[in-house]
């Protein structure tokens, strides 16, 4: 299991997966950072506008956004030197997957991080 985790697409909407994943990783005691261009605070944690704005480089970025936004997050991950990305079901973007792989990033898609990691 990775050490530092970033959730790109974290949401204040408690019905969204971006919120649920963030909440449950925090509850499990994981070192997790939220990423959303709006910034702000969610669950009393600072939310960062981009992966490259995080105070530490995450070991993995979990992407929980619409596929058309995924490509922008992948570009940010490349710039930040991220080595692993999980594209949650529904966020997959084949062009972004190929771009990330060509940049040396391990990409896991069409699988839920939370289920695979035993959190759900």
N, C-alpha and C. Protein backbone atom coordinates (compact mmCIF):
# COMPACT_ATOMS: atom_id res chain seq x y z
N UNK A 1 0.84 -1.19 0.00
CA UNK A 1 0.00 0.00 0.00
C UNK A 1 0.88 1.25 0.00
N UNK A 2 0.53 2.21 -0.80
CA UNK A 2 1.34 3.44 -0.87
C UNK A 2 1.28 4.22 0.43
N UNK A 3 2.31 5.04 0.64
CA UNK A 3 2.35 5.88 1.83
C UNK A 3 1.49 7.11 1.67
N UNK A 4 1.92 8.07 0.87
CA UNK A 4 1.20 9.33 0.69
C UNK A 4 0.24 9.20 -0.49
N UNK A 5 -1.02 9.53 -0.23
CA UNK A 5 -2.07 9.40 -1.24
C UNK A 5 -2.69 10.77 -1.49
N UNK A 6 -2.94 11.08 -2.75
CA UNK A 6 -3.70 12.29 -3.10
C UNK A 6 -4.97 11.86 -3.81
N UNK A 7 -6.07 12.51 -3.47
CA UNK A 7 -7.35 12.27 -4.13
C UNK A 7 -7.65 13.49 -4.99
N UNK A 8 -7.53 13.34 -6.30
CA UNK A 8 -7.80 14.42 -7.24
C UNK A 8 -9.26 14.34 -7.64
N UNK A 9 -10.00 15.37 -7.24
CA UNK A 9 -11.43 15.37 -7.48
C UNK A 9 -12.19 15.23 -6.17
N UNK A 10 -11.50 15.50 -5.06
CA UNK A 10 -12.16 15.46 -3.76
C UNK A 10 -13.32 16.46 -3.78
N UNK A 11 -14.39 16.13 -3.11
CA UNK A 11 -15.61 16.94 -3.15
C UNK A 11 -16.16 17.14 -1.76
N UNK A 12 -16.80 18.28 -1.54
CA UNK A 12 -17.49 18.54 -0.28
C UNK A 12 -18.87 17.88 -0.27
N UNK A 13 -19.32 17.41 -1.43
CA UNK A 13 -20.63 16.76 -1.55
C UNK A 13 -20.50 15.33 -1.00
N UNK A 14 -21.14 15.08 0.12
CA UNK A 14 -21.01 13.80 0.82
C UNK A 14 -21.55 12.61 0.04
N UNK A 15 -22.26 12.85 -1.05
CA UNK A 15 -22.78 11.74 -1.86
C UNK A 15 -21.81 11.35 -2.98
N UNK A 16 -20.76 12.12 -3.18
CA UNK A 16 -19.82 11.88 -4.28
C UNK A 16 -18.67 10.97 -3.83
N UNK A 17 -18.18 10.17 -4.78
CA UNK A 17 -17.07 9.28 -4.47
C UNK A 17 -15.81 10.04 -4.07
N UNK A 18 -15.62 11.23 -4.60
CA UNK A 18 -14.46 12.03 -4.20
C UNK A 18 -14.46 12.35 -2.72
N UNK A 19 -15.64 12.53 -2.14
CA UNK A 19 -15.76 12.74 -0.70
C UNK A 19 -15.59 11.43 0.05
N UNK A 20 -16.29 10.39 -0.39
CA UNK A 20 -16.29 9.11 0.32
C UNK A 20 -14.90 8.50 0.40
N UNK A 21 -14.17 8.54 -0.70
CA UNK A 21 -12.80 8.00 -0.72
C UNK A 21 -11.92 8.78 0.24
N UNK A 22 -11.97 10.10 0.16
CA UNK A 22 -11.17 10.97 1.03
C UNK A 22 -11.49 10.68 2.50
N UNK A 23 -12.78 10.65 2.82
CA UNK A 23 -13.22 10.41 4.20
C UNK A 23 -12.73 9.06 4.72
N UNK A 24 -12.90 8.03 3.91
CA UNK A 24 -12.58 6.69 4.39
C UNK A 24 -11.07 6.45 4.48
N UNK A 25 -10.29 7.08 3.62
CA UNK A 25 -8.84 6.98 3.74
C UNK A 25 -8.35 7.71 5.00
N UNK A 26 -8.94 8.86 5.28
CA UNK A 26 -8.60 9.57 6.52
C UNK A 26 -8.98 8.73 7.74
N UNK A 27 -10.17 8.14 7.70
CA UNK A 27 -10.63 7.31 8.82
C UNK A 27 -9.73 6.10 9.04
N UNK A 28 -9.11 5.62 7.96
CA UNK A 28 -8.20 4.47 8.05
C UNK A 28 -6.81 4.88 8.53
N UNK A 29 -6.63 6.19 8.77
CA UNK A 29 -5.35 6.67 9.27
C UNK A 29 -4.28 6.87 8.21
N UNK A 30 -4.68 6.93 6.94
CA UNK A 30 -3.72 7.12 5.85
C UNK A 30 -3.33 8.58 5.72
N UNK A 31 -2.13 8.82 5.21
CA UNK A 31 -1.69 10.19 4.91
C UNK A 31 -2.27 10.54 3.55
N UNK A 32 -3.32 11.35 3.55
CA UNK A 32 -4.04 11.64 2.32
C UNK A 32 -4.27 13.14 2.17
N UNK A 33 -4.12 13.61 0.94
CA UNK A 33 -4.31 15.01 0.60
C UNK A 33 -5.42 15.11 -0.43
N UNK A 34 -6.22 16.16 -0.33
CA UNK A 34 -7.28 16.41 -1.29
C UNK A 34 -6.86 17.43 -2.33
N UNK A 35 -7.28 17.20 -3.57
CA UNK A 35 -6.97 18.11 -4.67
C UNK A 35 -8.28 18.48 -5.37
N UNK A 36 -8.50 19.79 -5.47
CA UNK A 36 -9.65 20.33 -6.19
C UNK A 36 -9.29 21.78 -6.54
N UNK A 37 -9.45 22.19 -7.78
CA UNK A 37 -9.07 23.56 -8.17
C UNK A 37 -9.72 24.64 -7.31
N UNK A 38 -10.85 24.33 -6.68
CA UNK A 38 -11.55 25.31 -5.84
C UNK A 38 -10.83 25.54 -4.51
N UNK A 39 -9.96 24.60 -4.11
CA UNK A 39 -9.28 24.72 -2.83
C UNK A 39 -10.25 24.63 -1.67
N UNK A 40 -9.98 25.36 -0.60
CA UNK A 40 -10.86 25.37 0.56
C UNK A 40 -10.49 24.31 1.58
N UNK A 41 -11.51 23.88 2.35
CA UNK A 41 -11.30 22.86 3.38
C UNK A 41 -12.43 21.85 3.28
N UNK A 42 -12.08 20.58 3.45
CA UNK A 42 -13.05 19.50 3.51
C UNK A 42 -12.61 18.59 4.64
N UNK A 43 -13.56 18.23 5.50
CA UNK A 43 -13.26 17.40 6.66
C UNK A 43 -12.11 17.99 7.48
N UNK A 44 -12.12 19.29 7.59
CA UNK A 44 -11.12 20.05 8.35
C UNK A 44 -9.71 19.89 7.81
N UNK A 45 -9.59 19.56 6.53
CA UNK A 45 -8.28 19.43 5.88
C UNK A 45 -8.18 20.45 4.76
N UNK A 46 -6.97 21.02 4.60
CA UNK A 46 -6.75 21.94 3.49
C UNK A 46 -6.82 21.18 2.18
N UNK A 47 -7.50 21.75 1.21
CA UNK A 47 -7.61 21.17 -0.12
C UNK A 47 -6.72 22.00 -1.05
N UNK A 48 -5.92 21.32 -1.84
CA UNK A 48 -4.94 21.98 -2.69
C UNK A 48 -5.46 22.10 -4.12
N UNK A 49 -5.10 23.16 -4.84
CA UNK A 49 -5.65 23.39 -6.18
C UNK A 49 -5.10 22.46 -7.26
N UNK A 50 -3.98 21.80 -6.98
CA UNK A 50 -3.39 20.90 -7.98
C UNK A 50 -2.46 19.91 -7.27
N UNK A 51 -2.11 18.86 -7.97
CA UNK A 51 -1.15 17.88 -7.42
C UNK A 51 0.19 18.54 -7.21
N UNK A 52 0.61 19.39 -8.13
CA UNK A 52 1.91 20.05 -8.01
C UNK A 52 1.95 21.06 -6.87
N UNK A 53 0.80 21.45 -6.32
CA UNK A 53 0.75 22.38 -5.19
C UNK A 53 0.82 21.68 -3.84
N UNK A 54 0.80 20.35 -3.83
CA UNK A 54 0.85 19.61 -2.57
C UNK A 54 2.18 19.85 -1.86
N UNK A 55 2.18 19.79 -0.52
CA UNK A 55 3.42 20.01 0.22
C UNK A 55 4.40 18.84 0.12
N UNK A 56 3.92 17.69 -0.31
CA UNK A 56 4.77 16.50 -0.51
C UNK A 56 4.37 15.84 -1.82
N UNK A 57 5.29 15.05 -2.40
CA UNK A 57 4.94 14.31 -3.62
C UNK A 57 4.21 13.03 -3.21
N UNK A 58 3.01 12.84 -3.72
CA UNK A 58 2.28 11.62 -3.34
C UNK A 58 2.87 10.38 -4.02
N UNK A 59 2.73 9.25 -3.34
CA UNK A 59 3.13 7.98 -3.92
C UNK A 59 2.13 7.53 -4.97
N UNK A 60 0.88 7.91 -4.76
CA UNK A 60 -0.18 7.56 -5.71
C UNK A 60 -1.21 8.69 -5.73
N UNK A 61 -1.76 8.92 -6.92
CA UNK A 61 -2.87 9.87 -7.07
C UNK A 61 -4.08 9.08 -7.53
N UNK A 62 -5.15 9.20 -6.77
CA UNK A 62 -6.43 8.57 -7.12
C UNK A 62 -7.25 9.65 -7.84
N UNK A 63 -7.62 9.37 -9.08
CA UNK A 63 -8.38 10.35 -9.87
C UNK A 63 -9.86 9.99 -9.83
N UNK A 64 -10.67 10.95 -9.38
CA UNK A 64 -12.12 10.76 -9.25
C UNK A 64 -12.82 11.96 -9.90
N UNK A 65 -12.69 12.06 -11.22
CA UNK A 65 -13.30 13.17 -11.98
C UNK A 65 -13.87 12.62 -13.28
N UNK A 66 -14.53 13.47 -14.03
CA UNK A 66 -15.04 13.09 -15.34
C UNK A 66 -13.86 12.84 -16.29
N UNK A 67 -13.98 11.91 -17.24
CA UNK A 67 -12.88 11.58 -18.14
C UNK A 67 -12.26 12.77 -18.87
N UNK A 68 -13.06 13.78 -19.22
CA UNK A 68 -12.50 14.92 -19.94
C UNK A 68 -11.58 15.77 -19.06
N UNK A 69 -11.69 15.65 -17.75
CA UNK A 69 -10.83 16.39 -16.82
C UNK A 69 -9.58 15.57 -16.46
N UNK A 70 -9.67 14.26 -16.61
CA UNK A 70 -8.57 13.36 -16.24
C UNK A 70 -7.27 13.73 -16.94
N UNK A 71 -7.34 14.10 -18.22
CA UNK A 71 -6.11 14.43 -18.98
C UNK A 71 -5.36 15.59 -18.33
N UNK A 72 -6.06 16.60 -17.85
CA UNK A 72 -5.41 17.74 -17.19
C UNK A 72 -4.72 17.29 -15.91
N UNK A 73 -5.36 16.41 -15.16
CA UNK A 73 -4.76 15.91 -13.92
C UNK A 73 -3.53 15.07 -14.23
N UNK A 74 -3.58 14.27 -15.29
CA UNK A 74 -2.41 13.49 -15.69
C UNK A 74 -1.25 14.41 -16.03
N UNK A 75 -1.50 15.49 -16.76
CA UNK A 75 -0.44 16.47 -17.06
C UNK A 75 0.18 17.01 -15.78
N UNK A 76 -0.67 17.31 -14.81
CA UNK A 76 -0.20 17.81 -13.52
C UNK A 76 0.63 16.75 -12.79
N UNK A 77 0.19 15.50 -12.86
CA UNK A 77 0.94 14.40 -12.22
C UNK A 77 2.31 14.22 -12.87
N UNK A 78 2.36 14.33 -14.18
CA UNK A 78 3.65 14.24 -14.90
C UNK A 78 4.57 15.35 -14.41
N UNK A 79 4.07 16.57 -14.35
CA UNK A 79 4.87 17.71 -13.91
C UNK A 79 5.35 17.56 -12.47
N UNK A 80 4.53 16.90 -11.64
CA UNK A 80 4.86 16.74 -10.22
C UNK A 80 5.75 15.52 -9.95
N UNK A 81 5.99 14.70 -10.98
CA UNK A 81 6.84 13.53 -10.80
C UNK A 81 6.16 12.34 -10.14
N UNK A 82 4.84 12.29 -10.22
CA UNK A 82 4.09 11.17 -9.64
C UNK A 82 4.42 9.89 -10.39
N UNK A 83 4.52 8.78 -9.68
CA UNK A 83 4.90 7.50 -10.29
C UNK A 83 3.73 6.54 -10.48
N UNK A 84 2.59 6.78 -9.78
CA UNK A 84 1.45 5.86 -9.89
C UNK A 84 0.14 6.64 -9.85
N UNK A 85 -0.77 6.26 -10.74
CA UNK A 85 -2.10 6.87 -10.83
C UNK A 85 -3.15 5.76 -10.84
N UNK A 86 -4.20 5.96 -10.06
CA UNK A 86 -5.39 5.10 -10.13
C UNK A 86 -6.51 5.94 -10.73
N UNK A 87 -7.07 5.48 -11.83
CA UNK A 87 -8.24 6.14 -12.40
C UNK A 87 -9.46 5.35 -11.95
N UNK A 88 -10.20 5.94 -11.03
CA UNK A 88 -11.39 5.27 -10.52
C UNK A 88 -12.37 4.99 -11.67
N UNK A 89 -13.17 3.93 -11.55
CA UNK A 89 -14.15 3.65 -12.59
C UNK A 89 -14.99 4.88 -12.91
N UNK A 90 -15.07 5.20 -14.19
CA UNK A 90 -15.80 6.37 -14.66
C UNK A 90 -14.91 7.56 -14.95
N UNK A 91 -13.65 7.51 -14.51
CA UNK A 91 -12.74 8.62 -14.76
C UNK A 91 -11.75 8.30 -15.88
N UNK A 92 -11.78 7.08 -16.38
CA UNK A 92 -10.80 6.64 -17.37
C UNK A 92 -10.85 7.47 -18.64
N UNK A 93 -9.66 7.72 -19.16
CA UNK A 93 -9.50 8.46 -20.41
C UNK A 93 -8.34 7.78 -21.13
N UNK A 94 -8.64 7.07 -22.22
CA UNK A 94 -7.61 6.28 -22.90
C UNK A 94 -6.41 7.10 -23.36
N UNK A 95 -6.65 8.31 -23.83
CA UNK A 95 -5.55 9.17 -24.25
C UNK A 95 -4.66 9.52 -23.06
N UNK A 96 -5.28 9.84 -21.93
CA UNK A 96 -4.53 10.18 -20.71
C UNK A 96 -3.77 8.96 -20.19
N UNK A 97 -4.35 7.78 -20.31
CA UNK A 97 -3.67 6.55 -19.87
C UNK A 97 -2.39 6.36 -20.67
N UNK A 98 -2.50 6.48 -21.98
CA UNK A 98 -1.32 6.31 -22.84
C UNK A 98 -0.25 7.36 -22.56
N UNK A 99 -0.69 8.60 -22.38
CA UNK A 99 0.26 9.69 -22.10
C UNK A 99 1.00 9.43 -20.79
N UNK A 100 0.26 9.01 -19.76
CA UNK A 100 0.88 8.73 -18.46
C UNK A 100 1.88 7.58 -18.58
N UNK A 101 1.48 6.51 -19.27
CA UNK A 101 2.38 5.36 -19.43
C UNK A 101 3.65 5.74 -20.19
N UNK A 102 3.50 6.56 -21.24
CA UNK A 102 4.67 7.01 -22.00
C UNK A 102 5.61 7.87 -21.15
N UNK A 103 5.06 8.47 -20.09
CA UNK A 103 5.87 9.29 -19.18
C UNK A 103 6.44 8.48 -18.02
N UNK A 104 6.21 7.17 -18.06
CA UNK A 104 6.77 6.29 -17.03
C UNK A 104 5.91 6.13 -15.79
N UNK A 105 4.67 6.57 -15.86
CA UNK A 105 3.76 6.44 -14.72
C UNK A 105 3.00 5.13 -14.82
N UNK A 106 2.94 4.41 -13.71
CA UNK A 106 2.13 3.19 -13.65
C UNK A 106 0.68 3.64 -13.54
N UNK A 107 -0.18 3.10 -14.39
CA UNK A 107 -1.59 3.47 -14.39
C UNK A 107 -2.44 2.25 -14.11
N UNK A 108 -3.32 2.37 -13.13
CA UNK A 108 -4.31 1.34 -12.87
C UNK A 108 -5.66 1.97 -13.19
N UNK A 109 -6.41 1.34 -14.07
CA UNK A 109 -7.71 1.87 -14.48
C UNK A 109 -8.73 0.73 -14.46
N UNK A 110 -9.98 1.13 -14.42
CA UNK A 110 -11.09 0.18 -14.42
C UNK A 110 -11.05 -0.75 -13.21
N UNK A 111 -10.56 -0.21 -12.09
CA UNK A 111 -10.53 -0.92 -10.82
C UNK A 111 -10.64 0.11 -9.71
N UNK A 112 -11.33 -0.22 -8.65
CA UNK A 112 -11.52 0.70 -7.54
C UNK A 112 -10.40 0.55 -6.52
N UNK A 113 -9.70 1.65 -6.25
CA UNK A 113 -8.62 1.66 -5.26
C UNK A 113 -9.12 1.18 -3.90
N UNK A 114 -10.29 1.61 -3.52
CA UNK A 114 -10.83 1.30 -2.21
C UNK A 114 -11.17 -0.18 -2.05
N UNK A 115 -11.70 -0.78 -3.10
CA UNK A 115 -12.01 -2.21 -3.07
C UNK A 115 -10.71 -3.01 -3.12
N UNK A 116 -9.85 -2.67 -4.05
CA UNK A 116 -8.59 -3.38 -4.21
C UNK A 116 -7.72 -3.29 -2.95
N UNK A 117 -7.77 -2.13 -2.28
CA UNK A 117 -6.97 -1.93 -1.08
C UNK A 117 -7.61 -2.46 0.20
N UNK A 118 -8.83 -2.99 0.10
CA UNK A 118 -9.49 -3.55 1.27
C UNK A 118 -10.15 -2.51 2.19
N UNK A 119 -10.34 -1.29 1.69
CA UNK A 119 -10.99 -0.26 2.50
C UNK A 119 -12.50 -0.39 2.44
N UNK A 120 -13.02 -0.90 1.32
CA UNK A 120 -14.45 -1.11 1.15
C UNK A 120 -14.73 -2.56 0.87
